[in-house]
Amino acid sequence: MNARLKELKILGIMLGVFLAAYYIPFGAPRFLSGLHEAFFMLQDYARLHVLLCLIPALFIAGAVSVFISKSAVIKYLGPKANKILAYTVASISGAILAVCSCTVLPLFTGIYKRGAGLGPAVAFLYSGPAINVLAIVLTARILGLEIGIARAVGAVVFSIILGLIMHFIFRKEELKRQGEFGYADIQESSPLWQKIIYFALMILILITLTWAKPDGSNSAFMSFMYAYKWIISGILAFGLGLSLVFIYGFKLWKVLLTAFVVTAAGMLFPSQPLIAYIIGLVMLVSFLTKEKGELKDWLGSTWSYSKLILPLLFVGVMIAGSLLGRPGHEAWIPSQWVETAVGGNSLGANFFASISGAFMYFATLTEVPILQGLLGSGMGKGPALALLLSGPALSLPSMLVINTVLGLKKTSAFIALVVILSTITGFLFGTFFV
């Protein structure tokens, strides 16, 4: 029987390749345009997100797996934790990071595999990209105060509702999973305050590196942070190095040497700060490979998450690019179809906006100018809010990764809940705020 199934799979693959080769219009302009957009989208993603967003997030996820005990995660985010505390910690933690749907994945994977309950983990997964303070302010300023407030309130409420519903649906499976972790109190390798300093520095580095360019009307603080973000990131990185020295026994000369080389590179190439950043990153990795114990485990855990997440993200980004393309560029699905489908405020328009947003990939803050163009083309306010609630929190690349962590059933439930809640909220908003 197994041999027969194997042969049928081979036949199916051969048949699929034949049909694709026979029918795909390789020379058609739209097909070529979609193919180009797939690679352009991947290039944009590599340039804008991998070095400054994903790599710091992967290191944070690796640190969570190594330096935070399972008992600590279970205590604050597990099934026996105080529900108010657990969901508050999850939603606030995600909101503080304010990252895109792909960058939050390593962090979500880390806390979930460390013992966090499904509900709080999902709340964290949604809140990271959805409750982005800067994006909400930008939404209110460009798309209108009503949509800005609705997005802020909807995102906060969604993160908690999604977590609670997911916990309720899969409570039996969660009880079984949590039983595998146990609840024994594990002795921490270092005091809590030291871990807080260490993780706070890494999170601040991530936030600073991803600081968005001001649009000219931002506050002086926002402009200052963007103008000096590389210097501030360097100072924070030096502080992180010192924390490794005093908390985990890292050699001081390694931190000083890295700081000297990175500073010299920054002075030699002031217009190319990525050179200094990459040099510092390479030096850190090379030093960690020579370490023993927790520091070497940190690098190993980071590499494990990288192998799990990065390939799926790259494939997902290319698929999303080939289907919808970048803003202002045509791919396989004509943008006019999208504009036509999201007009008015029917349930169908809201559902289409929600499902489109869920599968599209939005770089942080790009959803606002995209929606500005769609609203100018006749998109209703309800569908606009629906897309804002589903789009930043989900994307095809993130779905592929979530599936490897949660499995198909839980991933499908999460996607369906986001789409349904976004559709209903958009429809109600469009009904009362025409």
Protein backbone atom coordinates (compact mmCIF):
# COMPACT_ATOMS: atom_id res chain seq x y z
CA MET A 1 0.00 0.00 0.00
CA ASN A 2 2.79 2.42 0.95
CA ALA A 3 4.70 1.55 -2.21
CA ARG A 4 1.59 2.24 -4.29
CA LEU A 5 1.06 5.63 -2.61
CA LYS A 6 4.68 6.50 -3.23
CA GLU A 7 4.30 5.70 -6.93
CA LEU A 8 1.08 7.73 -7.10
CA LYS A 9 2.88 10.73 -5.55
CA ILE A 10 5.64 10.44 -8.14
CA LEU A 11 3.02 10.26 -10.89
CA GLY A 12 1.25 13.29 -9.46
CA ILE A 13 4.46 15.31 -9.36
CA MET A 14 5.32 14.35 -12.92
CA LEU A 15 1.82 15.22 -14.09
CA GLY A 16 1.92 18.56 -12.29
CA VAL A 17 5.26 19.50 -13.83
CA PHE A 18 3.97 18.51 -17.28
CA LEU A 19 0.78 20.56 -16.98
CA ALA A 20 2.71 23.57 -15.66
CA ALA A 21 5.22 23.35 -18.51
CA TYR A 22 2.41 22.95 -21.04
CA TYR A 23 0.04 25.69 -19.91
CA ILE A 24 2.04 28.39 -18.08
CA PRO A 25 2.42 31.39 -20.45
CA PHE A 26 6.11 31.96 -19.75
CA GLY A 27 6.36 34.64 -22.43
CA ALA A 28 3.29 36.63 -21.34
CA PRO A 29 4.12 40.13 -20.03
CA ARG A 30 2.01 39.68 -16.87
CA PHE A 31 3.68 36.37 -16.02
CA LEU A 32 7.12 37.91 -16.46
CA SER A 33 6.04 40.94 -14.42
CA GLY A 34 4.93 38.69 -11.55
CA LEU A 35 8.18 36.76 -11.72
CA HIS A 36 10.17 39.98 -11.57
CA GLU A 37 8.07 41.26 -8.67
CA ALA A 38 8.81 38.05 -6.73
CA PHE A 39 12.54 38.76 -6.88
CA PHE A 40 12.15 42.51 -6.35
CA MET A 41 10.02 41.82 -3.25
CA LEU A 42 12.64 39.40 -1.96
CA GLN A 43 15.33 41.99 -2.57
CA ASP A 44 13.36 44.68 -0.72
CA TYR A 45 12.78 42.27 2.14
CA ALA A 46 16.47 41.36 2.33
CA ARG A 47 17.57 44.99 2.28
CA LEU A 48 14.97 46.41 4.67
CA HIS A 49 14.27 43.63 7.15
CA VAL A 50 16.74 40.76 7.39
CA LEU A 51 19.80 42.54 8.79
CA LEU A 52 18.12 45.12 11.01
CA CYS A 53 14.92 43.30 12.05
CA LEU A 54 15.16 39.54 11.71
CA ILE A 55 18.71 38.93 12.88
CA PRO A 56 18.29 40.87 16.16
CA ALA A 57 14.93 39.14 16.67
CA LEU A 58 16.52 35.73 16.08
CA PHE A 59 19.21 36.48 18.67
CA ILE A 60 16.53 37.53 21.16
CA ALA A 61 14.58 34.33 20.48
CA GLY A 62 17.72 32.28 20.97
CA ALA A 63 18.41 34.08 24.24
CA VAL A 64 14.87 33.37 25.46
CA SER A 65 15.44 29.64 24.85
CA VAL A 66 18.75 29.60 26.72
CA PHE A 67 18.71 32.27 29.40
CA ILE A 68 15.06 32.17 30.54
CA SER A 69 13.98 29.01 32.32
CA LYS A 70 10.82 27.18 31.34
CA SER A 71 9.48 27.68 34.84
CA ALA A 72 9.70 31.48 34.46
CA VAL A 73 7.81 31.43 31.14
CA ILE A 74 5.18 29.06 32.54
CA LYS A 75 4.85 31.20 35.68
CA TYR A 76 3.88 34.35 33.78
CA LEU A 77 2.46 33.01 30.49
CA GLY A 78 1.49 29.41 31.22
CA PRO A 79 -1.99 27.94 31.72
CA LYS A 80 -1.88 28.34 35.51
CA ALA A 81 -0.76 31.95 35.37
CA ASN A 82 -3.13 34.73 36.30
CA LYS A 83 -5.10 35.35 33.11
CA ILE A 84 -5.13 39.13 33.46
CA LEU A 85 -1.38 39.17 34.09
CA ALA A 86 -0.61 36.70 31.29
CA TYR A 87 -2.57 38.50 28.57
CA THR A 88 -1.42 41.92 29.75
CA VAL A 89 2.23 40.84 29.64
CA ALA A 90 1.75 39.24 26.21
CA SER A 91 -0.03 42.18 24.59
CA ILE A 92 2.20 44.86 26.12
CA SER A 93 5.38 42.94 25.24
CA GLY A 94 4.29 42.67 21.64
CA ALA A 95 3.26 46.32 21.47
CA ILE A 96 6.59 47.54 22.85
CA LEU A 97 8.48 45.73 20.09
CA ALA A 98 6.33 47.22 17.30
CA VAL A 99 7.75 44.93 14.61
CA CYS A 100 6.34 43.48 11.40
CA SER A 101 4.55 40.14 11.16
CA CYS A 102 7.72 38.31 10.12
CA THR A 103 10.06 39.81 12.71
CA VAL A 104 7.80 38.81 15.60
CA LEU A 105 7.89 35.13 14.53
CA PRO A 106 11.21 34.15 16.13
CA LEU A 107 10.11 35.73 19.42
CA PHE A 108 6.72 34.01 19.30
CA THR A 109 8.40 30.67 18.50
CA GLY A 110 10.81 31.14 21.40
CA ILE A 111 8.24 31.80 24.10
CA TYR A 112 5.81 29.15 22.80
CA LYS A 113 8.44 26.42 22.71
CA ARG A 114 9.63 27.52 26.14
CA GLY A 115 6.23 26.79 27.69
CA ALA A 116 3.96 29.80 27.15
CA GLY A 117 0.28 28.96 26.87
CA LEU A 118 -1.31 29.08 23.43
CA GLY A 119 -3.59 32.01 24.36
CA PRO A 120 -0.89 34.43 25.62
CA ALA A 121 1.48 33.33 22.84
CA VAL A 122 -1.15 34.13 20.19
CA ALA A 123 -1.91 37.46 21.89
CA PHE A 124 1.80 38.27 21.65
CA LEU A 125 1.94 37.08 18.03
CA TYR A 126 -0.89 39.42 17.02
CA SER A 127 0.00 42.42 19.17
CA GLY A 128 3.60 42.78 17.95
CA PRO A 129 2.84 43.95 14.41
CA ALA A 130 -0.75 45.14 15.02
CA ILE A 131 -0.30 47.43 18.04
CA ASN A 132 2.39 49.59 16.50
CA VAL A 133 2.12 53.00 18.14
CA LEU A 134 3.89 54.82 15.31
CA ALA A 135 1.72 53.12 12.66
CA ILE A 136 -1.46 53.98 14.57
CA VAL A 137 -0.43 57.65 14.85
CA LEU A 138 0.41 57.69 11.13
CA THR A 139 -2.95 56.08 10.36
CA ALA A 140 -4.84 58.74 12.30
CA ARG A 141 -2.89 61.55 10.66
CA ILE A 142 -3.17 60.36 7.04
CA LEU A 143 -6.33 58.23 6.91
CA GLY A 144 -8.36 60.09 9.52
CA LEU A 145 -8.79 60.17 13.28
CA GLU A 146 -11.76 57.77 13.21
CA ILE A 147 -9.81 54.99 11.47
CA GLY A 148 -6.77 55.64 13.68
CA ILE A 149 -8.75 55.26 16.91
CA ALA A 150 -10.66 52.24 15.56
CA ARG A 151 -7.38 50.57 14.59
CA ALA A 152 -5.84 51.17 18.01
CA VAL A 153 -8.87 49.92 19.96
CA GLY A 154 -9.48 47.02 17.58
CA ALA A 155 -5.87 45.81 17.71
CA VAL A 156 -5.71 45.81 21.53
CA VAL A 157 -9.07 44.05 21.89
CA PHE A 158 -8.25 41.62 19.07
CA SER A 159 -5.02 40.43 20.66
CA ILE A 160 -6.85 39.43 23.85
CA ILE A 161 -9.95 37.99 22.14
CA LEU A 162 -7.85 35.94 19.72
CA GLY A 163 -5.79 34.53 22.56
CA LEU A 164 -8.82 33.64 24.66
CA ILE A 165 -10.68 31.98 21.75
CA MET A 166 -7.62 29.97 20.70
CA HIS A 167 -7.12 28.86 24.31
CA PHE A 168 -10.76 27.80 24.58
CA ILE A 169 -10.80 25.89 21.26
CA PHE A 170 -7.59 23.97 21.92
CA ARG A 171 -7.69 23.79 25.72
CA LYS A 172 -7.49 19.96 25.83
CA GLU A 173 -4.47 19.84 23.55
CA GLU A 174 -2.87 22.67 25.52
CA LEU A 175 -3.29 20.83 28.82
CA LYS A 176 -1.54 17.83 27.30
CA ARG A 177 1.26 19.99 25.87
CA GLN A 178 1.76 21.87 29.10
CA GLY A 179 2.03 18.60 30.98
CA GLU A 180 5.18 17.87 29.00
CA PHE A 181 6.91 20.93 30.42
CA GLY A 182 6.28 20.22 34.10
CA TYR A 183 6.06 22.88 36.76
CA ALA A 184 9.12 22.29 38.87
CA ASP A 185 10.80 25.49 40.00
CA ILE A 186 14.12 25.69 38.16
CA GLN A 187 17.03 27.53 39.75
CA GLU A 188 17.94 30.56 37.67
CA SER A 189 21.57 30.89 36.58
CA SER A 190 21.56 34.63 37.31
CA PRO A 191 19.35 37.10 39.23
CA LEU A 192 16.20 38.42 37.56
CA TRP A 193 17.41 42.02 37.47
CA GLN A 194 20.46 40.99 35.45
CA LYS A 195 18.27 39.21 32.89
CA ILE A 196 16.02 42.27 32.66
CA ILE A 197 19.01 44.48 31.83
CA TYR A 198 20.31 41.98 29.26
CA PHE A 199 16.99 41.55 27.45
CA ALA A 200 16.09 45.24 27.70
CA LEU A 201 19.31 46.15 25.90
CA MET A 202 18.62 43.67 23.09
CA ILE A 203 15.06 44.90 22.67
CA LEU A 204 16.19 48.54 22.65
CA ILE A 205 18.75 47.69 19.96
CA LEU A 206 16.01 46.09 17.85
CA ILE A 207 13.71 49.09 18.31
CA THR A 208 16.46 51.60 17.52
CA LEU A 209 17.72 49.78 14.43
CA THR A 210 14.19 49.69 12.99
CA TRP A 211 13.37 53.32 13.80
CA ALA A 212 11.34 54.71 10.92
CA LYS A 213 12.34 57.77 8.94
CA PRO A 214 10.28 60.81 10.05
CA ASP A 215 7.89 62.31 7.51
CA GLY A 216 8.70 65.91 8.34
CA SER A 217 5.88 66.46 10.82
CA ASN A 218 7.15 64.15 13.55
CA SER A 219 8.34 65.36 16.94
CA ALA A 220 11.90 66.50 17.58
CA PHE A 221 12.52 63.31 19.56
CA MET A 222 11.50 61.12 16.61
CA SER A 223 13.78 63.06 14.27
CA PHE A 224 16.65 62.92 16.77
CA MET A 225 16.29 59.15 17.19
CA TYR A 226 16.36 58.57 13.44
CA ALA A 227 19.30 60.91 12.84
CA TYR A 228 21.45 59.25 15.52
CA LYS A 229 20.05 55.73 15.50
CA TRP A 230 23.34 54.13 14.49
CA ILE A 231 25.28 55.88 17.23
CA ILE A 232 22.60 55.05 19.79
CA SER A 233 22.53 51.42 18.59
CA GLY A 234 26.32 51.25 18.94
CA ILE A 235 26.19 52.55 22.51
CA LEU A 236 23.46 50.05 23.37
CA ALA A 237 25.46 47.24 21.74
CA PHE A 238 28.49 48.17 23.84
CA GLY A 239 26.29 48.05 26.93
CA LEU A 240 25.05 44.62 25.82
CA GLY A 241 28.64 43.47 25.48
CA LEU A 242 29.41 44.64 29.02
CA SER A 243 26.34 42.80 30.31
CA LEU A 244 27.70 39.62 28.71
CA VAL A 245 30.99 40.22 30.50
CA PHE A 246 29.56 40.79 33.98
CA ILE A 247 26.63 38.36 33.81
CA TYR A 248 27.82 35.47 31.63
CA GLY A 249 31.60 35.62 31.80
CA PHE A 250 32.32 36.93 28.31
CA LYS A 251 35.88 38.26 27.94
CA LEU A 252 36.20 42.03 28.26
CA TRP A 253 38.95 42.26 25.62
CA LYS A 254 36.55 40.81 23.04
CA VAL A 255 34.03 43.56 23.74
CA LEU A 256 36.68 46.29 23.61
CA LEU A 257 38.21 44.93 20.41
CA THR A 258 34.80 44.70 18.72
CA ALA A 259 33.92 48.24 19.84
CA PHE A 260 37.23 49.57 18.46
CA VAL A 261 36.90 47.82 15.08
CA VAL A 262 33.23 48.79 14.66
CA THR A 263 33.93 52.43 15.60
CA ALA A 264 36.84 52.55 13.14
CA ALA A 265 34.66 51.09 10.38
CA GLY A 266 31.96 53.65 11.16
CA MET A 267 34.44 56.50 10.86
CA LEU A 268 35.97 55.13 7.63
CA PHE A 269 32.55 54.54 6.02
CA PRO A 270 30.20 57.12 7.60
CA SER A 271 27.72 56.90 4.73
CA GLN A 272 27.59 53.08 4.89
CA PRO A 273 26.74 52.24 8.53
CA LEU A 274 25.75 48.69 7.52
CA ILE A 275 29.44 47.89 7.01
CA ALA A 276 30.22 48.57 10.66
CA TYR A 277 27.06 46.72 11.72
CA ILE A 278 27.94 43.60 9.71
CA ILE A 279 31.54 43.63 11.00
CA GLY A 280 30.28 43.78 14.58
CA LEU A 281 27.82 40.97 13.90
CA VAL A 282 30.49 38.75 12.34
CA MET A 283 32.87 39.37 15.25
CA LEU A 284 30.16 38.51 17.80
CA VAL A 285 29.32 35.25 16.02
CA SER A 286 32.98 34.28 15.66
CA PHE A 287 33.62 34.92 19.36
CA LEU A 288 30.52 32.99 20.43
CA THR A 289 31.64 29.92 18.45
CA LYS A 290 34.69 29.71 20.76
CA GLU A 291 32.64 30.01 23.96
CA LYS A 292 31.31 27.22 26.14
CA GLY A 293 28.13 26.71 28.12
CA GLU A 294 25.23 29.15 27.85
CA LEU A 295 26.90 31.58 25.46
CA LYS A 296 27.61 28.86 22.90
CA ASP A 297 24.12 27.48 23.43
CA TRP A 298 22.77 30.97 22.69
CA LEU A 299 24.42 30.95 19.27
CA GLY A 300 23.25 27.39 18.61
CA SER A 301 19.66 28.21 19.50
CA THR A 302 19.75 31.32 17.30
CA TRP A 303 21.02 29.25 14.39
CA SER A 304 18.28 26.65 14.94
CA TYR A 305 15.59 29.33 14.71
CA SER A 306 17.28 30.78 11.62
CA LYS A 307 17.15 27.43 9.81
CA LEU A 308 13.51 27.00 10.77
CA ILE A 309 12.23 30.46 9.90
CA LEU A 310 14.33 32.15 7.21
CA PRO A 311 13.79 29.70 4.30
CA LEU A 312 10.01 29.76 4.79
CA LEU A 313 9.97 33.55 4.98
CA PHE A 314 11.97 33.90 1.77
CA VAL A 315 9.67 31.52 -0.10
CA GLY A 316 6.57 33.23 1.29
CA VAL A 317 7.81 36.70 0.36
CA MET A 318 8.47 35.58 -3.22
CA ILE A 319 5.02 34.02 -3.55
CA ALA A 320 3.37 37.16 -2.16
CA GLY A 321 5.42 39.29 -4.55
CA SER A 322 4.50 37.22 -7.59
CA LEU A 323 0.78 37.43 -6.76
CA LEU A 324 0.32 41.07 -5.76
CA GLY A 325 3.68 42.75 -6.29
CA ARG A 326 5.02 45.88 -4.64
CA PRO A 327 2.95 49.06 -4.26
CA GLY A 328 2.54 50.66 -7.68
CA HIS A 329 3.72 47.59 -9.58
CA GLU A 330 1.59 44.99 -11.35
CA ALA A 331 1.99 41.24 -10.70
CA TRP A 332 -0.15 38.21 -11.54
CA ILE A 333 -3.26 39.56 -9.80
CA PRO A 334 -4.25 42.93 -11.35
CA SER A 335 -4.42 45.72 -8.77
CA GLN A 336 -7.64 46.92 -10.42
CA TRP A 337 -9.36 43.73 -9.27
CA VAL A 338 -8.46 44.53 -5.68
CA GLU A 339 -9.63 48.14 -5.97
CA THR A 340 -12.96 47.03 -7.47
CA ALA A 341 -13.55 44.31 -4.87
CA VAL A 342 -13.06 46.57 -1.82
CA GLY A 343 -15.42 49.36 -2.87
CA GLY A 344 -18.42 50.15 -0.67
CA ASN A 345 -19.08 48.55 2.69
CA SER A 346 -20.70 45.19 1.97
CA LEU A 347 -19.76 42.07 3.91
CA GLY A 348 -18.15 40.79 0.73
CA ALA A 349 -15.98 43.88 0.39
CA ASN A 350 -14.89 43.65 4.03
CA PHE A 351 -14.19 39.95 3.74
CA PHE A 352 -12.15 40.45 0.57
CA ALA A 353 -10.16 43.23 2.26
CA SER A 354 -9.52 41.01 5.29
CA ILE A 355 -8.45 37.98 3.28
CA SER A 356 -6.31 40.09 0.94
CA GLY A 357 -4.60 41.77 3.88
CA ALA A 358 -3.99 38.42 5.54
CA PHE A 359 -2.10 37.06 2.53
CA MET A 360 -0.31 40.24 1.46
CA TYR A 361 3.04 41.20 2.96
CA PHE A 362 3.26 44.69 4.46
CA ALA A 363 6.59 46.11 5.52
CA THR A 364 6.22 48.15 8.70
CA LEU A 365 4.25 51.39 8.06
CA THR A 366 3.78 50.71 4.32
CA GLU A 367 0.15 49.73 4.80
CA VAL A 368 -0.80 53.38 5.41
CA PRO A 369 0.27 54.85 2.03
CA ILE A 370 -1.10 51.74 0.27
CA LEU A 371 -4.50 52.27 1.87
CA GLN A 372 -4.34 55.98 1.14
CA GLY A 373 -4.16 55.11 -2.56
CA LEU A 374 -6.94 52.52 -2.29
CA LEU A 375 -9.23 54.97 -0.46
CA GLY A 376 -8.60 57.47 -3.23
CA SER A 377 -9.67 54.78 -5.72
CA GLY A 378 -13.03 54.23 -4.01
CA MET A 379 -12.27 51.84 -1.16
CA GLY A 380 -14.77 52.04 1.71
CA LYS A 381 -13.73 52.97 5.25
CA GLY A 382 -14.95 49.63 6.60
CA PRO A 383 -12.79 47.51 4.26
CA ALA A 384 -9.88 49.86 4.97
CA LEU A 385 -10.12 49.13 8.70
CA ALA A 386 -10.58 45.41 7.99
CA LEU A 387 -7.36 45.38 6.00
CA LEU A 388 -5.53 47.35 8.71
CA LEU A 389 -6.56 44.79 11.35
CA SER A 390 -5.65 41.70 9.33
CA GLY A 391 -2.79 42.86 7.12
CA PRO A 392 0.03 43.89 9.48
CA ALA A 393 -0.60 40.93 11.80
CA LEU A 394 -0.61 38.27 9.07
CA SER A 395 1.12 37.54 5.78
CA LEU A 396 1.71 34.51 3.61
CA PRO A 397 5.35 34.22 4.80
CA SER A 398 4.27 34.34 8.46
CA MET A 399 1.57 31.72 7.86
CA LEU A 400 4.18 29.26 6.60
CA VAL A 401 6.27 29.72 9.74
CA ILE A 402 3.33 29.64 12.16
CA ASN A 403 2.27 26.34 10.60
CA THR A 404 5.62 24.76 11.48
CA VAL A 405 5.21 25.88 15.10
CA LEU A 406 1.50 25.36 15.78
CA GLY A 407 0.51 22.85 13.12
CA LEU A 408 -2.06 23.17 10.35
CA LYS A 409 -5.18 23.02 12.55
CA LYS A 410 -4.18 25.77 14.97
CA THR A 411 -2.71 27.92 12.22
CA SER A 412 -5.90 27.64 10.17
CA ALA A 413 -7.98 28.57 13.23
CA PHE A 414 -5.79 31.61 13.92
CA ILE A 415 -6.00 32.82 10.31
CA ALA A 416 -9.77 32.26 10.18
CA LEU A 417 -10.33 34.14 13.44
CA VAL A 418 -8.26 37.12 12.31
CA VAL A 419 -10.15 37.29 9.00
CA ILE A 420 -13.61 36.85 10.59
CA LEU A 421 -13.02 39.39 13.37
CA SER A 422 -11.53 41.88 10.90
CA THR A 423 -14.48 41.43 8.53
CA ILE A 424 -17.10 41.95 11.24
CA THR A 425 -15.29 44.93 12.76
CA GLY A 426 -14.80 46.56 9.36
CA PHE A 427 -18.44 46.05 8.45
CA LEU A 428 -19.69 47.56 11.72
CA PHE A 429 -17.26 50.48 11.44
CA GLY A 430 -18.28 51.18 7.87
CA THR A 431 -21.96 51.03 8.83
CA PHE A 432 -21.71 53.62 11.62
CA PHE A 433 -18.93 55.82 10.19
CA VAL A 434 -19.73 56.44 6.55
